[in-house]
């Protein structure tokens, strides 16, 4: 198992940038579980980089982790996840999508604001 992250070594990879580091990280990998996403955007471009690198590396299967309802809820973040879903299950790419129930994550400033409000 390899964990890719912008900050983890030896596989420090920014999916939004792609590049030779991503190719090296996927060399010899049979399955990729893609769980990265950002509320700041860039998920579609990141997925394109990952899919292209996975093709070049001969990855056999890509699993994209998504959220139940992304095809029905009109939030920008959900629309981006749904767009990545459609790319991840393309006919030329062996892959699957796993939709789980969404988990509401809150920014630490929101939590601190709640605590200050009493």
N, C-alpha and C. Protein backbone atom coordinates (compact mmCIF):
# COMPACT_ATOMS: atom_id res chain seq x y z
N UNK A 1 0.85 -1.16 0.00
CA UNK A 1 0.00 0.00 0.00
C UNK A 1 0.90 1.23 0.00
N UNK A 2 0.49 2.23 -0.79
CA UNK A 2 1.16 3.53 -0.82
C UNK A 2 0.13 4.60 -0.53
N UNK A 3 0.51 5.55 0.25
CA UNK A 3 -0.36 6.69 0.52
C UNK A 3 0.25 7.90 -0.16
N UNK A 4 -0.53 8.53 -1.03
CA UNK A 4 -0.07 9.74 -1.70
C UNK A 4 -0.69 10.94 -1.02
N UNK A 5 0.11 11.94 -0.82
CA UNK A 5 -0.35 13.18 -0.20
C UNK A 5 0.58 14.28 -0.67
N UNK A 6 0.10 15.51 -0.62
CA UNK A 6 0.98 16.62 -0.99
C UNK A 6 2.19 16.69 -0.09
N UNK A 7 2.07 16.19 1.14
CA UNK A 7 3.13 16.37 2.13
C UNK A 7 3.83 15.10 2.55
N UNK A 8 3.31 13.93 2.18
CA UNK A 8 3.89 12.65 2.63
C UNK A 8 5.08 12.26 1.76
N UNK A 9 6.11 11.81 2.36
CA UNK A 9 7.26 11.29 1.63
C UNK A 9 7.29 9.79 1.81
N UNK A 10 7.71 9.01 0.87
CA UNK A 10 8.41 9.44 -0.33
C UNK A 10 7.50 9.80 -1.50
N UNK A 11 6.20 9.75 -1.31
CA UNK A 11 5.28 10.00 -2.42
C UNK A 11 4.54 11.32 -2.23
N UNK A 12 5.28 12.39 -2.10
CA UNK A 12 4.67 13.71 -2.00
C UNK A 12 4.23 14.17 -3.37
N UNK A 13 2.93 14.14 -3.60
CA UNK A 13 2.38 14.43 -4.92
C UNK A 13 1.20 15.38 -4.79
N UNK A 14 1.19 16.41 -5.61
CA UNK A 14 0.02 17.28 -5.70
C UNK A 14 -0.73 16.88 -6.96
N UNK A 15 -1.89 16.26 -6.80
CA UNK A 15 -2.64 15.79 -7.96
C UNK A 15 -3.03 16.92 -8.88
N UNK A 16 -3.18 18.12 -8.33
CA UNK A 16 -3.56 19.26 -9.18
C UNK A 16 -2.45 19.61 -10.15
N UNK A 17 -1.20 19.28 -9.81
CA UNK A 17 -0.06 19.60 -10.66
C UNK A 17 0.33 18.42 -11.56
N UNK A 18 0.07 17.19 -11.10
CA UNK A 18 0.49 16.03 -11.88
C UNK A 18 2.01 15.96 -11.92
N UNK A 19 2.54 15.47 -13.03
CA UNK A 19 3.98 15.47 -13.23
C UNK A 19 4.65 14.14 -12.96
N UNK A 20 5.98 14.13 -13.10
CA UNK A 20 6.75 12.88 -12.98
C UNK A 20 6.67 12.24 -11.59
N UNK A 21 6.45 13.04 -10.56
CA UNK A 21 6.32 12.47 -9.21
C UNK A 21 5.10 11.55 -9.13
N UNK A 22 4.02 11.95 -9.79
CA UNK A 22 2.81 11.14 -9.80
C UNK A 22 3.04 9.85 -10.57
N UNK A 23 3.70 9.95 -11.71
CA UNK A 23 4.03 8.74 -12.49
C UNK A 23 4.87 7.78 -11.66
N UNK A 24 5.87 8.30 -10.96
CA UNK A 24 6.74 7.45 -10.14
C UNK A 24 5.96 6.81 -9.00
N UNK A 25 5.04 7.55 -8.41
CA UNK A 25 4.26 7.03 -7.29
C UNK A 25 3.33 5.90 -7.72
N UNK A 26 2.88 5.91 -8.97
CA UNK A 26 1.94 4.88 -9.44
C UNK A 26 2.63 3.69 -10.10
N UNK A 27 3.93 3.77 -10.29
CA UNK A 27 4.66 2.66 -10.94
C UNK A 27 4.48 1.38 -10.12
N UNK A 28 3.99 0.33 -10.79
CA UNK A 28 3.82 -0.96 -10.15
C UNK A 28 2.57 -1.11 -9.30
N UNK A 29 1.69 -0.11 -9.31
CA UNK A 29 0.47 -0.14 -8.50
C UNK A 29 -0.64 -0.84 -9.29
N UNK A 30 -1.37 -1.74 -8.65
CA UNK A 30 -2.46 -2.45 -9.31
C UNK A 30 -3.81 -1.79 -9.16
N UNK A 31 -4.06 -1.17 -8.00
CA UNK A 31 -5.34 -0.52 -7.72
C UNK A 31 -5.10 0.81 -7.04
N UNK A 32 -5.86 1.81 -7.44
CA UNK A 32 -5.82 3.13 -6.81
C UNK A 32 -7.17 3.40 -6.18
N UNK A 33 -7.17 3.83 -4.93
CA UNK A 33 -8.38 4.30 -4.26
C UNK A 33 -8.23 5.81 -4.15
N UNK A 34 -9.04 6.52 -4.92
CA UNK A 34 -8.93 7.99 -5.01
C UNK A 34 -9.94 8.62 -4.07
N UNK A 35 -9.44 9.17 -2.96
CA UNK A 35 -10.32 9.80 -1.96
C UNK A 35 -10.04 11.29 -1.81
N UNK A 36 -9.13 11.82 -2.58
CA UNK A 36 -8.76 13.23 -2.43
C UNK A 36 -9.81 14.14 -3.04
N UNK A 37 -10.13 15.20 -2.34
CA UNK A 37 -10.98 16.25 -2.89
C UNK A 37 -10.76 17.51 -2.08
N UNK A 38 -11.25 18.62 -2.62
CA UNK A 38 -11.04 19.90 -1.96
C UNK A 38 -12.27 20.77 -2.13
N UNK A 39 -12.62 21.45 -1.08
CA UNK A 39 -13.72 22.42 -1.17
C UNK A 39 -13.28 23.66 -1.95
N UNK A 40 -11.98 23.81 -2.17
CA UNK A 40 -11.44 24.96 -2.90
C UNK A 40 -11.42 24.75 -4.40
N UNK A 41 -11.82 23.58 -4.86
CA UNK A 41 -11.86 23.33 -6.30
C UNK A 41 -10.62 22.63 -6.80
N UNK A 42 -10.61 22.36 -8.09
CA UNK A 42 -9.49 21.71 -8.72
C UNK A 42 -9.61 20.20 -8.81
N UNK A 43 -10.73 19.64 -8.33
CA UNK A 43 -10.88 18.17 -8.30
C UNK A 43 -10.91 17.55 -9.70
N UNK A 44 -11.55 18.23 -10.64
CA UNK A 44 -11.65 17.65 -11.98
C UNK A 44 -10.29 17.59 -12.65
N UNK A 45 -9.52 18.66 -12.52
CA UNK A 45 -8.17 18.68 -13.09
C UNK A 45 -7.29 17.64 -12.39
N UNK A 46 -7.39 17.55 -11.07
CA UNK A 46 -6.61 16.57 -10.32
C UNK A 46 -6.95 15.15 -10.77
N UNK A 47 -8.24 14.87 -10.97
CA UNK A 47 -8.66 13.54 -11.42
C UNK A 47 -8.12 13.24 -12.81
N UNK A 48 -8.11 14.23 -13.68
CA UNK A 48 -7.55 14.02 -15.03
C UNK A 48 -6.08 13.63 -14.94
N UNK A 49 -5.32 14.33 -14.08
CA UNK A 49 -3.91 13.99 -13.91
C UNK A 49 -3.75 12.57 -13.37
N UNK A 50 -4.56 12.23 -12.37
CA UNK A 50 -4.47 10.90 -11.79
C UNK A 50 -4.84 9.82 -12.79
N UNK A 51 -5.92 10.02 -13.53
CA UNK A 51 -6.35 9.03 -14.52
C UNK A 51 -5.29 8.85 -15.61
N UNK A 52 -4.73 9.94 -16.08
CA UNK A 52 -3.70 9.85 -17.13
C UNK A 52 -2.47 9.10 -16.61
N UNK A 53 -2.05 9.42 -15.40
CA UNK A 53 -0.88 8.73 -14.82
C UNK A 53 -1.19 7.26 -14.58
N UNK A 54 -2.41 6.95 -14.15
CA UNK A 54 -2.80 5.56 -13.92
C UNK A 54 -2.78 4.78 -15.24
N UNK A 55 -3.23 5.39 -16.32
CA UNK A 55 -3.18 4.73 -17.63
C UNK A 55 -1.73 4.45 -18.02
N UNK A 56 -0.88 5.46 -17.87
CA UNK A 56 0.53 5.29 -18.24
C UNK A 56 1.20 4.19 -17.41
N UNK A 57 0.81 4.08 -16.14
CA UNK A 57 1.43 3.10 -15.24
C UNK A 57 0.81 1.71 -15.38
N UNK A 58 -0.29 1.60 -16.14
CA UNK A 58 -0.94 0.30 -16.29
C UNK A 58 -1.72 -0.14 -15.06
N UNK A 59 -2.21 0.84 -14.30
CA UNK A 59 -3.02 0.51 -13.11
C UNK A 59 -4.26 -0.25 -13.57
N UNK A 60 -4.57 -1.34 -12.88
CA UNK A 60 -5.68 -2.20 -13.30
C UNK A 60 -7.05 -1.72 -12.89
N UNK A 61 -7.15 -0.96 -11.81
CA UNK A 61 -8.48 -0.55 -11.33
C UNK A 61 -8.35 0.73 -10.51
N UNK A 62 -9.30 1.64 -10.71
CA UNK A 62 -9.36 2.87 -9.92
C UNK A 62 -10.73 2.94 -9.25
N UNK A 63 -10.71 3.12 -7.94
CA UNK A 63 -11.94 3.28 -7.16
C UNK A 63 -12.01 4.73 -6.73
N UNK A 64 -13.09 5.40 -7.09
CA UNK A 64 -13.28 6.79 -6.70
C UNK A 64 -14.29 6.84 -5.56
N UNK A 65 -13.90 7.47 -4.46
CA UNK A 65 -14.77 7.60 -3.29
C UNK A 65 -15.59 8.87 -3.45
N UNK A 66 -16.90 8.71 -3.45
CA UNK A 66 -17.80 9.84 -3.65
C UNK A 66 -18.83 9.88 -2.52
N UNK A 67 -19.91 10.60 -2.76
CA UNK A 67 -20.92 10.83 -1.72
C UNK A 67 -22.31 10.55 -2.30
N UNK A 68 -23.14 9.90 -1.52
CA UNK A 68 -24.53 9.66 -1.91
C UNK A 68 -25.19 11.00 -2.25
N UNK A 69 -25.86 11.05 -3.38
CA UNK A 69 -26.64 12.24 -3.74
C UNK A 69 -25.91 13.28 -4.55
N UNK A 70 -24.64 13.04 -4.93
CA UNK A 70 -23.92 14.06 -5.68
C UNK A 70 -24.57 14.35 -7.03
N UNK A 71 -25.36 13.43 -7.52
CA UNK A 71 -26.04 13.64 -8.80
C UNK A 71 -27.36 14.38 -8.63
N UNK A 72 -27.75 14.67 -7.37
CA UNK A 72 -29.05 15.31 -7.15
C UNK A 72 -28.98 16.61 -6.34
N UNK A 73 -27.91 16.82 -5.62
CA UNK A 73 -27.80 17.99 -4.74
C UNK A 73 -27.03 19.08 -5.47
N UNK A 74 -27.58 20.30 -5.55
CA UNK A 74 -26.98 21.35 -6.37
C UNK A 74 -25.83 22.14 -5.73
N UNK A 75 -25.07 21.54 -4.84
CA UNK A 75 -23.90 22.22 -4.27
C UNK A 75 -22.74 22.13 -5.25
N UNK A 76 -21.94 23.17 -5.32
CA UNK A 76 -20.79 23.17 -6.22
C UNK A 76 -19.83 22.03 -5.95
N UNK A 77 -19.57 21.76 -4.68
CA UNK A 77 -18.67 20.66 -4.31
C UNK A 77 -19.21 19.32 -4.81
N UNK A 78 -20.52 19.12 -4.66
CA UNK A 78 -21.14 17.87 -5.14
C UNK A 78 -21.09 17.79 -6.66
N UNK A 79 -21.34 18.91 -7.34
CA UNK A 79 -21.27 18.90 -8.81
C UNK A 79 -19.88 18.49 -9.29
N UNK A 80 -18.85 19.00 -8.59
CA UNK A 80 -17.48 18.65 -8.96
C UNK A 80 -17.22 17.16 -8.72
N UNK A 81 -17.69 16.62 -7.60
CA UNK A 81 -17.51 15.20 -7.32
C UNK A 81 -18.23 14.35 -8.38
N UNK A 82 -19.42 14.80 -8.77
CA UNK A 82 -20.18 14.05 -9.79
C UNK A 82 -19.44 14.08 -11.13
N UNK A 83 -18.85 15.21 -11.47
CA UNK A 83 -18.07 15.30 -12.71
C UNK A 83 -16.89 14.34 -12.67
N UNK A 84 -16.24 14.23 -11.52
CA UNK A 84 -15.12 13.29 -11.39
C UNK A 84 -15.63 11.86 -11.48
N UNK A 85 -16.78 11.58 -10.89
CA UNK A 85 -17.38 10.24 -11.02
C UNK A 85 -17.52 9.85 -12.49
N UNK A 86 -18.06 10.75 -13.28
CA UNK A 86 -18.29 10.45 -14.69
C UNK A 86 -16.97 10.19 -15.41
N UNK A 87 -15.93 10.90 -15.04
CA UNK A 87 -14.62 10.68 -15.66
C UNK A 87 -14.00 9.37 -15.18
N UNK A 88 -14.19 9.05 -13.90
CA UNK A 88 -13.52 7.90 -13.28
C UNK A 88 -14.05 6.57 -13.77
N UNK A 89 -15.26 6.52 -14.25
CA UNK A 89 -15.84 5.26 -14.71
C UNK A 89 -15.90 5.17 -16.21
N UNK A 90 -15.02 5.87 -16.90
CA UNK A 90 -15.04 5.89 -18.36
C UNK A 90 -14.82 4.51 -18.97
N UNK A 91 -15.27 4.34 -20.19
CA UNK A 91 -15.22 3.03 -20.84
C UNK A 91 -13.80 2.54 -21.06
N UNK A 92 -12.83 3.44 -21.16
CA UNK A 92 -11.45 3.02 -21.38
C UNK A 92 -10.68 2.82 -20.08
N UNK A 93 -11.30 3.11 -18.96
CA UNK A 93 -10.62 3.03 -17.67
C UNK A 93 -11.37 2.07 -16.76
N UNK A 94 -10.74 0.95 -16.42
CA UNK A 94 -11.41 0.05 -15.48
C UNK A 94 -11.48 0.71 -14.11
N UNK A 95 -12.68 0.97 -13.68
CA UNK A 95 -12.83 1.64 -12.40
C UNK A 95 -14.23 1.52 -11.86
N UNK A 96 -14.39 1.99 -10.66
CA UNK A 96 -15.70 1.98 -10.03
C UNK A 96 -15.82 3.18 -9.10
N UNK A 97 -17.05 3.47 -8.75
CA UNK A 97 -17.35 4.58 -7.85
C UNK A 97 -18.00 4.00 -6.61
N UNK A 98 -17.56 4.45 -5.46
CA UNK A 98 -18.17 4.03 -4.19
C UNK A 98 -18.75 5.27 -3.53
N UNK A 99 -20.08 5.29 -3.43
CA UNK A 99 -20.75 6.42 -2.78
C UNK A 99 -21.10 6.06 -1.34
N UNK A 100 -20.61 6.85 -0.43
CA UNK A 100 -20.95 6.65 0.98
C UNK A 100 -21.72 7.86 1.46
N UNK A 101 -22.33 7.73 2.62
CA UNK A 101 -23.05 8.87 3.19
C UNK A 101 -22.07 9.99 3.48
N UNK A 102 -22.44 11.20 3.16
CA UNK A 102 -21.58 12.35 3.39
C UNK A 102 -21.35 12.59 4.86
N UNK A 103 -20.18 13.12 5.17
CA UNK A 103 -19.83 13.48 6.53
C UNK A 103 -19.62 14.98 6.55
N UNK A 104 -20.33 15.67 7.42
CA UNK A 104 -20.20 17.13 7.50
C UNK A 104 -18.91 17.47 8.24
N UNK A 105 -17.99 18.06 7.53
CA UNK A 105 -16.74 18.51 8.14
C UNK A 105 -16.82 20.01 8.35
N UNK A 106 -16.31 20.45 9.45
CA UNK A 106 -16.36 21.88 9.75
C UNK A 106 -14.96 22.41 9.92
N UNK A 107 -14.75 23.60 9.45
CA UNK A 107 -13.47 24.27 9.58
C UNK A 107 -13.24 24.62 11.04
N UNK A 108 -11.99 24.52 11.53
CA UNK A 108 -11.72 24.83 12.94
C UNK A 108 -12.23 26.20 13.39
N UNK A 109 -12.22 27.19 12.48
CA UNK A 109 -12.74 28.52 12.85
C UNK A 109 -14.24 28.47 13.12
N UNK A 110 -14.96 27.62 12.41
CA UNK A 110 -16.40 27.47 12.65
C UNK A 110 -16.64 26.87 14.04
N UNK A 111 -15.86 25.85 14.37
CA UNK A 111 -15.99 25.21 15.68
C UNK A 111 -15.64 26.21 16.78
N UNK A 112 -14.57 26.97 16.59
CA UNK A 112 -14.17 27.97 17.59
C UNK A 112 -15.27 29.03 17.73
N UNK A 113 -15.88 29.41 16.61
CA UNK A 113 -16.98 30.39 16.67
C UNK A 113 -18.16 29.85 17.45
N UNK A 114 -18.48 28.56 17.27
CA UNK A 114 -19.56 27.94 18.01
C UNK A 114 -19.27 27.95 19.51
N UNK A 115 -18.02 27.66 19.87
CA UNK A 115 -17.64 27.63 21.28
C UNK A 115 -17.72 29.02 21.90
N UNK A 116 -17.31 30.03 21.13
CA UNK A 116 -17.33 31.40 21.64
C UNK A 116 -18.77 31.91 21.81
N UNK A 117 -19.67 31.41 20.96
CA UNK A 117 -21.07 31.85 21.03
C UNK A 117 -21.79 31.23 22.22
N UNK A 118 -21.20 30.19 22.78
CA UNK A 118 -21.79 29.56 23.96
C UNK A 118 -22.69 28.48 23.58
